[in-house]
Amino acid sequence: MHPSRRAFLAGTGLLPLAVPLLGSAASPAQAEAGGLLSRPIPSTGERIPVLGIGTSRRYEVEPTPDKVAPLREAVRRFVALGGSVIDTAPSYGTAEDVLGLILPQDGLREKVFLCSKVGTPGREAGLAEIERSFKRLNTQTIDLVAVHNLIDTATNLATLRDLKAAKRIRYAGVTVWRDSQFADLEAVMKRETLDFIQVNYALDDRLAAQRILPLAAERGMAVMVNVPFGRDRLFKAVQGRELPPWTAEFDCASWPQFFLKYVLGHEAVTCPIPGMAKVAYVEDNLGAARGRMPDAAQRARMEAFVDAL
C-alpha cells in the first residue's frame, strides 16, 4: 500500500488477527465464514461481510500473469478468510480486466459480491459502458452497479432498474467521494429508492455522519464507505506511534484496524472497502471485521485522540 503502512507492518511483523468474539456494540452483526461479522442489506435482508476490497489504483495493473499474480493471491486469501465484497469501476483503468482474469478461477466468482459502476451520461452510452463491464469482468451477472459520482443520475438509475428487472444485476445505488457532493447526494437519497450508497467517511473525515449516514438508515439504504483511511492522512498522523492500550477494549491489534473499526462502529455503515492488494494487508484489515466494535464513548475517545495529533 503506502510507505507509512509498510513501516507499521515491517516494524512489528504482521500483527495477528483479532480474537473472533461475536457481537457488535453498534449494529446487528453476525459471524460469517472465517468469523467475519456481517450486516444486512436493508432492502432485502441479505447479509454481507462488513469489510470489502476496493480496486481503485491498486488493481490498475497491466493484465499480464506476473502483474496479476499477487492480486490473485490477495483475492484468494480474502475469500478464504470469509470476505466477499469487491468493488470496482470502468474508470479504474484495467481493474475490471484484472478481476475478469482472477474471478473465474478457483470458483471465486460464485463466492464474491461483485460491484461496479456506471459513469457515462446518456441512456445508450451508459448502457454500453455497463455492457463493457460485463465483458471485462467476465461475468453474466453483477451484484451491484452504482451511478458513479451522481453522473446523469436519473437516466442511469432508470437503466439500472431495467437491468434489475432482467436479473442481470441484483442491486442499484449511487456513489460520491468528497464532502462537496453531499448536498446533491442527500437530494438523490430523498428522491430515489436505492439499495446502496457509497460515500467517503473516515476518522478524520466525519461530515457524512451528520446527515448522510442517518438518512441512509432512515431510508433503508446500505452504506459502503470509500477511503476509510482518510486518503492516507491517518497513517501519516500516527506514524511512529504505538497503539493506545485502551484499543484492546474493542479487539484492535493494529492502526489499520483502529481506523476501520471506527468506521464500522457507526450503526449505519454496512461495509468499508479499503484497497487491499497484498495478502498481508488482507489479513491485517480483516482483523477489523472480527471481535467487538467500539461503542459511542470509545468512538468519541478515538476522535479526540486523532484530533489531538
Protein backbone atom coordinates (compact mmCIF):
# COMPACT_ATOMS: atom_id res chain seq x y z
CA MET A 1 0.00 0.00 0.00
CA HIS A 2 1.75 3.16 1.21
CA PRO A 3 5.12 3.69 2.91
CA SER A 4 3.59 4.50 6.29
CA ARG A 5 1.64 1.26 6.35
CA ARG A 6 4.67 -0.72 5.19
CA ALA A 7 6.55 0.80 8.10
CA PHE A 8 3.88 -0.35 10.55
CA LEU A 9 3.95 -3.93 9.30
CA ALA A 10 7.71 -4.08 8.90
CA GLY A 11 8.29 -2.66 12.34
CA THR A 12 6.01 -5.00 14.21
CA GLY A 13 5.71 -8.05 11.98
CA LEU A 14 2.29 -8.93 10.63
CA LEU A 15 0.02 -8.46 13.57
CA PRO A 16 -2.22 -11.41 14.44
CA LEU A 17 -5.87 -11.29 13.59
CA ALA A 18 -8.12 -10.18 16.40
CA VAL A 19 -9.72 -12.87 18.53
CA PRO A 20 -13.09 -13.70 16.92
CA LEU A 21 -15.53 -12.62 19.59
CA LEU A 22 -19.08 -12.29 18.40
CA GLY A 23 -21.31 -9.26 18.55
CA SER A 24 -21.05 -5.55 17.93
CA ALA A 25 -21.71 -2.59 20.11
CA ALA A 26 -23.00 -0.65 17.13
CA SER A 27 -25.40 -2.52 14.83
CA PRO A 28 -26.82 -6.01 14.34
CA ALA A 29 -23.98 -8.26 13.28
CA GLN A 30 -23.46 -11.97 12.95
CA ALA A 31 -20.34 -14.04 12.45
CA GLU A 32 -20.00 -15.49 8.97
CA ALA A 33 -17.37 -17.74 7.39
CA GLY A 34 -13.95 -17.18 8.91
CA GLY A 35 -15.51 -15.47 11.92
CA LEU A 36 -16.11 -12.23 10.00
CA LEU A 37 -19.03 -10.12 11.13
CA SER A 38 -21.78 -9.45 8.63
CA ARG A 39 -24.52 -6.84 8.33
CA PRO A 40 -27.78 -6.85 6.36
CA ILE A 41 -28.59 -5.03 3.14
CA PRO A 42 -31.74 -3.24 4.32
CA SER A 43 -33.70 -3.59 1.06
CA THR A 44 -33.56 -7.41 1.11
CA GLY A 45 -32.09 -8.60 4.41
CA GLU A 46 -29.24 -10.37 2.59
CA ARG A 47 -26.13 -10.28 4.76
CA ILE A 48 -22.65 -9.40 3.55
CA PRO A 49 -19.34 -9.35 5.44
CA VAL A 50 -18.54 -5.95 6.92
CA LEU A 51 -15.29 -5.41 5.03
CA GLY A 52 -14.60 -5.46 1.30
CA ILE A 53 -11.87 -4.74 -1.24
CA GLY A 54 -11.69 -1.52 -3.23
CA THR A 55 -9.77 -1.81 -6.51
CA SER A 56 -9.04 1.82 -7.41
CA ARG A 57 -5.32 2.33 -8.20
CA ARG A 58 -4.07 -0.90 -6.68
CA TYR A 59 -5.69 -3.19 -9.25
CA GLU A 60 -4.95 -0.89 -12.19
CA VAL A 61 -2.04 -3.01 -13.43
CA GLU A 62 -1.13 -4.47 -16.79
CA PRO A 63 -3.31 -7.61 -17.15
CA THR A 64 -0.37 -9.98 -17.53
CA PRO A 65 0.30 -13.13 -15.46
CA ASP A 66 3.18 -11.65 -13.45
CA LYS A 67 1.29 -8.44 -12.61
CA VAL A 68 -1.97 -10.19 -11.81
CA ALA A 69 -0.45 -12.99 -9.70
CA PRO A 70 -0.05 -11.08 -6.39
CA LEU A 71 -3.54 -9.60 -6.75
CA ARG A 72 -4.95 -13.07 -7.37
CA GLU A 73 -3.32 -14.28 -4.16
CA ALA A 74 -4.78 -11.34 -2.24
CA VAL A 75 -8.29 -12.10 -3.55
CA ARG A 76 -7.90 -15.81 -2.83
CA ARG A 77 -6.84 -15.08 0.74
CA PHE A 78 -9.64 -12.56 1.16
CA VAL A 79 -12.26 -15.12 0.10
CA ALA A 80 -10.62 -17.92 2.12
CA LEU A 81 -10.94 -15.76 5.25
CA GLY A 82 -14.64 -15.15 4.61
CA GLY A 83 -14.58 -11.93 2.58
CA SER A 84 -16.84 -11.45 -0.41
CA VAL A 85 -17.41 -7.78 -1.38
CA ILE A 86 -15.16 -6.46 -4.18
CA ASP A 87 -15.80 -3.01 -5.64
CA THR A 88 -14.53 -1.72 -8.97
CA ALA A 89 -15.47 0.66 -11.79
CA PRO A 90 -14.90 1.17 -15.53
CA SER A 91 -12.91 4.30 -14.71
CA TYR A 92 -10.40 2.34 -12.60
CA GLY A 93 -8.09 1.70 -15.54
CA THR A 94 -7.58 -2.03 -16.04
CA ALA A 95 -9.13 -3.08 -12.71
CA GLU A 96 -12.20 -4.68 -14.29
CA ASP A 97 -9.99 -6.60 -16.75
CA VAL A 98 -7.79 -7.81 -13.91
CA LEU A 99 -10.79 -9.03 -11.92
CA GLY A 100 -12.07 -10.70 -15.08
CA LEU A 101 -8.89 -12.77 -15.08
CA ILE A 102 -8.95 -13.55 -11.35
CA LEU A 103 -12.57 -14.34 -10.54
CA PRO A 104 -13.29 -17.21 -12.97
CA GLN A 105 -10.58 -19.30 -11.27
CA ASP A 106 -10.99 -21.45 -8.16
CA GLY A 107 -14.73 -20.83 -8.05
CA LEU A 108 -14.11 -17.29 -6.81
CA ARG A 109 -16.87 -15.60 -8.79
CA GLU A 110 -19.55 -17.63 -7.03
CA LYS A 111 -18.17 -16.52 -3.66
CA VAL A 112 -17.78 -12.82 -4.44
CA PHE A 113 -20.32 -10.00 -4.09
CA LEU A 114 -19.17 -8.09 -7.17
CA CYS A 115 -19.77 -4.36 -7.50
CA SER A 116 -19.14 -1.94 -10.36
CA LYS A 117 -20.39 1.44 -11.54
CA VAL A 118 -21.70 3.44 -14.46
CA GLY A 119 -20.24 6.88 -15.00
CA THR A 120 -21.28 7.93 -18.51
CA PRO A 121 -24.21 10.28 -19.24
CA GLY A 122 -26.97 9.26 -21.62
CA ARG A 123 -29.10 6.13 -21.84
CA GLU A 124 -27.29 4.45 -24.72
CA ALA A 125 -23.78 5.42 -23.63
CA GLY A 126 -24.43 4.37 -20.03
CA LEU A 127 -25.83 1.01 -21.06
CA ALA A 128 -22.88 0.46 -23.41
CA GLU A 129 -20.48 1.14 -20.54
CA ILE A 130 -22.27 -1.39 -18.33
CA GLU A 131 -22.18 -3.98 -21.12
CA ARG A 132 -18.42 -3.45 -21.38
CA SER A 133 -18.16 -4.07 -17.64
CA PHE A 134 -19.91 -7.42 -18.02
CA LYS A 135 -17.39 -8.40 -20.69
CA ARG A 136 -14.35 -7.08 -18.88
CA LEU A 137 -15.39 -8.74 -15.62
CA ASN A 138 -16.09 -11.98 -17.49
CA THR A 139 -19.42 -12.47 -15.73
CA GLN A 140 -23.09 -12.88 -16.59
CA THR A 141 -24.33 -11.01 -13.53
CA ILE A 142 -23.05 -8.17 -11.36
CA ASP A 143 -24.34 -7.99 -7.82
CA LEU A 144 -24.34 -4.19 -7.53
CA VAL A 145 -23.98 -1.42 -10.09
CA ALA A 146 -23.98 2.16 -8.79
CA VAL A 147 -24.15 5.51 -10.54
CA HIS A 148 -20.62 6.83 -10.22
CA ASN A 149 -20.35 10.33 -8.72
CA LEU A 150 -24.04 11.04 -9.43
CA ILE A 151 -23.39 11.30 -13.18
CA ASP A 152 -26.73 11.64 -15.01
CA THR A 153 -28.32 10.01 -12.00
CA ALA A 154 -31.95 9.79 -13.15
CA THR A 155 -31.10 8.32 -16.56
CA ASN A 156 -28.58 5.82 -15.24
CA LEU A 157 -30.81 4.72 -12.37
CA ALA A 158 -33.60 4.02 -14.86
CA THR A 159 -31.18 1.81 -16.79
CA LEU A 160 -30.14 0.02 -13.61
CA ARG A 161 -33.74 -0.65 -12.67
CA ASP A 162 -34.28 -2.26 -16.08
CA LEU A 163 -31.21 -4.43 -15.54
CA LYS A 164 -32.50 -5.43 -12.12
CA ALA A 165 -35.84 -6.43 -13.62
CA ALA A 166 -33.95 -8.54 -16.17
CA LYS A 167 -31.97 -10.12 -13.30
CA ARG A 168 -28.65 -9.06 -14.79
CA ILE A 169 -27.82 -7.03 -11.69
CA ARG A 170 -29.15 -7.52 -8.18
CA TYR A 171 -28.80 -4.10 -6.56
CA ALA A 172 -28.54 -0.45 -7.65
CA GLY A 173 -27.09 2.60 -5.96
CA VAL A 174 -25.12 5.82 -6.24
CA THR A 175 -21.65 6.94 -5.18
CA VAL A 176 -19.77 10.08 -4.17
CA TRP A 177 -16.22 10.56 -2.94
CA ARG A 178 -15.98 14.06 -1.48
CA ASP A 179 -17.84 16.24 1.01
CA SER A 180 -18.83 18.85 -1.58
CA GLN A 181 -21.15 16.27 -3.19
CA PHE A 182 -23.18 15.66 -0.03
CA ALA A 183 -25.97 18.16 -0.75
CA ASP A 184 -26.63 16.55 -4.13
CA LEU A 185 -26.36 13.07 -2.62
CA GLU A 186 -28.86 13.93 0.10
CA ALA A 187 -31.34 15.17 -2.53
CA VAL A 188 -30.99 11.94 -4.52
CA MET A 189 -31.40 9.82 -1.39
CA LYS A 190 -34.64 11.61 -0.53
CA ARG A 191 -35.97 11.39 -4.07
CA GLU A 192 -34.95 7.88 -5.17
CA THR A 193 -35.31 4.35 -3.82
CA LEU A 194 -31.77 2.96 -3.59
CA ASP A 195 -30.28 -0.29 -2.36
CA PHE A 196 -26.83 1.19 -1.68
CA ILE A 197 -24.96 4.43 -1.38
CA GLN A 198 -21.18 4.74 -1.35
CA VAL A 199 -19.64 7.67 0.49
CA ASN A 200 -16.38 8.96 1.91
CA TYR A 201 -16.17 8.60 5.69
CA ALA A 202 -13.16 8.24 7.95
CA LEU A 203 -11.93 9.05 11.44
CA ASP A 204 -10.59 12.38 10.15
CA ASP A 205 -13.43 12.94 7.63
CA ARG A 206 -16.62 12.70 9.67
CA LEU A 207 -19.05 15.02 7.88
CA ALA A 208 -21.07 12.11 6.44
CA ALA A 209 -22.14 11.19 9.97
CA GLN A 210 -24.09 14.43 10.35
CA ARG A 211 -26.77 13.92 7.68
CA ILE A 212 -25.86 11.25 5.12
CA LEU A 213 -25.47 8.21 7.36
CA PRO A 214 -28.60 8.93 9.43
CA LEU A 215 -30.57 9.47 6.22
CA ALA A 216 -29.33 6.15 4.83
CA ALA A 217 -30.54 4.41 7.98
CA GLU A 218 -33.90 6.19 7.78
CA ARG A 219 -34.34 5.35 4.09
CA GLY A 220 -33.18 1.73 4.37
CA MET A 221 -30.05 2.05 2.26
CA ALA A 222 -26.88 0.03 2.71
CA VAL A 223 -23.72 2.11 3.05
CA MET A 224 -20.36 1.32 1.50
CA VAL A 225 -17.53 3.54 2.70
CA ASN A 226 -14.68 4.51 0.41
CA VAL A 227 -11.35 6.00 1.57
CA PRO A 228 -11.82 4.77 5.18
CA PHE A 229 -8.14 5.53 5.81
CA GLY A 230 -8.69 9.21 5.06
CA ARG A 231 -6.68 9.19 1.83
CA ASP A 232 -3.65 8.13 3.90
CA ARG A 233 -3.70 11.17 6.14
CA LEU A 234 -4.44 8.92 9.11
CA PHE A 235 -1.43 6.69 8.51
CA LYS A 236 0.80 9.74 8.31
CA ALA A 237 -0.67 11.17 11.51
CA VAL A 238 0.09 8.07 13.61
CA GLN A 239 3.37 7.05 12.01
CA GLY A 240 5.86 6.03 14.68
CA ARG A 241 3.22 5.90 17.43
CA GLU A 242 2.15 2.86 19.41
CA LEU A 243 -1.48 1.83 19.67
CA PRO A 244 -3.01 3.10 22.92
CA PRO A 245 -3.60 0.22 25.36
CA TRP A 246 -7.32 1.01 25.58
CA THR A 247 -7.81 -0.19 21.98
CA ALA A 248 -7.77 -3.75 23.36
CA GLU A 249 -11.24 -2.99 24.73
CA PHE A 250 -12.60 -3.42 21.20
CA ASP A 251 -10.19 -6.11 19.98
CA CYS A 252 -7.97 -3.81 17.94
CA ALA A 253 -4.47 -5.04 17.05
CA SER A 254 -3.13 -2.52 14.50
CA TRP A 255 -3.59 1.02 13.24
CA PRO A 256 -5.47 -0.13 10.10
CA GLN A 257 -7.89 -2.00 12.34
CA PHE A 258 -8.21 1.12 14.54
CA PHE A 259 -9.30 3.23 11.56
CA LEU A 260 -11.62 0.57 10.14
CA LYS A 261 -13.25 -0.28 13.47
CA TYR A 262 -14.04 3.39 13.97
CA VAL A 263 -15.94 3.44 10.67
CA LEU A 264 -17.66 0.13 11.43
CA GLY A 265 -18.63 1.45 14.84
CA HIS A 266 -21.26 3.63 13.16
CA GLU A 267 -24.51 1.67 13.09
CA ALA A 268 -25.45 2.82 9.56
CA VAL A 269 -22.25 1.59 7.91
CA THR A 270 -22.56 -1.71 6.07
CA CYS A 271 -19.14 -2.24 4.51
CA PRO A 272 -15.96 -0.15 4.17
CA ILE A 273 -13.92 -1.02 1.05
CA PRO A 274 -10.22 -0.22 1.60
CA GLY A 275 -7.71 -1.10 -1.09
CA MET A 276 -6.10 -4.48 -0.44
CA ALA A 277 -3.53 -5.63 -2.98
CA LYS A 278 -1.34 -7.84 -0.77
CA VAL A 279 -2.07 -10.88 1.36
CA ALA A 280 -0.55 -9.20 4.43
CA TYR A 281 -2.93 -6.26 4.11
CA VAL A 282 -5.92 -8.57 3.63
CA GLU A 283 -5.06 -10.49 6.79
CA ASP A 284 -4.49 -7.37 8.86
CA ASN A 285 -7.54 -5.45 7.61
CA LEU A 286 -9.90 -8.37 8.11
CA GLY A 287 -8.98 -8.30 11.78
CA ALA A 288 -11.23 -5.23 11.91
CA ALA A 289 -14.18 -7.40 10.86
CA ARG A 290 -13.81 -9.60 13.92
CA GLY A 291 -14.49 -9.08 17.59
CA ARG A 292 -16.04 -6.12 19.33
CA MET A 293 -16.67 -2.76 17.72
CA PRO A 294 -16.13 0.49 19.64
CA ASP A 295 -19.19 1.88 21.35
CA ALA A 296 -20.16 5.56 21.31
CA ALA A 297 -17.87 6.51 24.19
CA GLN A 298 -14.93 4.63 22.69
CA ARG A 299 -15.52 6.22 19.28
CA ALA A 300 -15.52 9.66 20.91
CA ARG A 301 -12.20 8.78 22.54
CA MET A 302 -10.82 7.72 19.14
CA GLU A 303 -11.93 11.04 17.65
CA ALA A 304 -10.29 13.02 20.45
CA PHE A 305 -7.10 11.00 20.08
CA VAL A 306 -6.79 11.67 16.35
CA ASP A 307 -7.90 15.30 16.61
CA ALA A 308 -5.10 15.93 19.11
CA LEU A 309 -2.35 14.62 16.82
